[in-house]
Structures are given as structure tokens and as C-alpha cells.
Amino acid sequence: MCLANLPCFFDPNPLNDSSLPASAPVAIFDSGLGGLSVLRAVRALLPAQPLIYVADSRYAPYGQRDDDFIADRTLAIGEWLVAQGARALVVACNTATAQSIEFARARLPIPVVGVEPGIKPAALQSKTRVAGVLATQVTLRSARFQALVERHAADLRVICQPGHGLVEAVERCDVDSPELIALLRGYLTPMLDAGADTLVLGCTHYPFLDCAIRSIIGERMALVDTSVAIARQLERVLAQHDLLADPLLADTAACARFCSTNGGAHLRMLAAALLGIDAQVETVQIASRRTLGLEPTGTV
């Protein structure tokens, strides 16, 4: 399955700065831990690129938040990352992309890459012309998602299933409990009964549930995970704006800085399992309009 032509979003007119220091990171932001699946793909494709990852776990999951809250947090975290010297931002959260990517892009002076559910590759590969989509309710109700379906899947029956409880499970590092399997079975069985042969993982948290999903669907459905396509899009955007890190620095710049707004135990645990590294996680406070009065005293 080729995902290279999967469309992602980027700002066509960011500020270029080829004089950025080698240490200037690419920032990856998610409401919680799901964006680590994107970070893994970026590290594999761009080993010379320093990275900074922010998990807004204090306010996760975004799928339960209103649109204004999501836009408020996305912009605040984007501005904080710009202040940290980021050369580009990946909004590695389908919910945040769906509701606030254009808002953030208009206000941040760096390239912004977003994510979207893999409807196009699902439509290209489905033989039964039935595909399931697991995503948050916010993503599924967004105008961007509806436009994506209309543009790429006019002849495809798309079965949309909000993944209530799945993000929370991943956030607590539950990827295989009997309760999780039962929850997934309830979501996936109707898709199988309807003849779906493709399943779109419409949230960056969901690739962590690959084994649990496979235990239910076997090989009856192909899984569409867009993390590799996102990394390729990031590479194209960085090259377009002369922001690619020097590959000669690959031996010294492959580390990543990890930050969380709600303590780092689960982020550190999942980084070890997914990336094979013992991540030192910084706890950061990033205040925003909608969280004034909710943050601990002081900001970082």
C-alpha cells in the first residue's frame, strides 16, 4: 500500500530562515501520546533532524472538547514551540487538525503540517467498496472530514465509528486489556458484518492498538495508518523552504526532547515501548485563554 500521495496540509507562505541553527527542532504536537506514532516515522525518515514533542495530556482527549478550546490550545502550544526555536510544526492530532489547522497556520510564522484520516488510500484499495473509519467524534463531524469523503470516496460506503474510550486507553498505556478488546469488538464487528475490507485509523493514538485490532479482524481488513505519509510530507515541506537539517549531523542530532503538560510517566513508558529510548520528560505549563485559572501557579 502506497501512502506517498496522501494529502496533508502546510502553509504555502511561511517565513523562510535558512540560517536557523542546527539545533532548531521540528516540533510535533498532540493532545496526548498518539503523536508518538508520527514522531517514530519522522525519526526513521529524517534521522538528522532534532525534534521536540509536546503532549497536552493535561487537557486530553481533545475529542471531548469544544472547537474553540481546541483552537485555543493548538495556537498556544504552537506559539510556545515557536518560542522554543522550532523550525516547523506538525500538528499530529486529527482532531486539532480538523478544527484548527487553518487558524494556527494563519498565526504562526513557521510551516505547519497537519494530518487527516486516510480516506483517499482507503478508497483506492478497497475491493468491496466498504471501509470503516475509527476517529474521534470531533474529527468525524468536522467539515474537513466531510469534504475529504466527498472528494475521494464518492463511490465508497464509509462506516464512521467514534472511538469513544480509545484515546483514554492509550493515554493510560492500556493496549490489550480484556475491557479494551471488548470495546474494540463492539466498534469493529458491525464493520465486518457490513463487508468492510479496509479500516482507517483516523487518530494518531490508534496505531498503538494495531495488535488488539488484529486480534479481532485478523486479515479481513487492511489497516490504513498515515504516519509514514505525514513524515514524507514534512520532508517535502522542509525541503521546499530550505529547512532540512544537515544529514551529516545524523550521529549527534537524532535525539528528541519530550514535554508533557501533565507529568511524564505515561509518555516515558510509551516512548520506551515505541521508540526504544529512555526519554527524560519535562513537565511544562502552557497557559491559554481557555485554561486561565486551571493551570498551576507559574508558567514555563
Foldseek 3Di string as FASTA:
>chain_A
DDCQPPDKDKQPDFDFDLPQDLQAAEEEEECAQLCVLLVQLLCVVALSGEYEYEHAPVDPDCLPPDLVVLQFVVQLVLVVSVVVRHQEYEHQWLLSCLRHQVVNNVPHRHMYIYDFWPPQVLQVPWPVLEEEEEERPSNVPGPVNVVVCVVRRPSHHYHYDYLPPQVVCVRVPNQADPVVLVSLLVRCVVSVVVQHAEYIHGTSSCVSNVVSNCVRCPNSHHYDDCSNNSSSVVVVVCVVSNNRRDVVSSVPRSDYAAEYQPDCPSSQVVCCVPVVDRHDYHHFHRDGPVCVVVHPPDGD
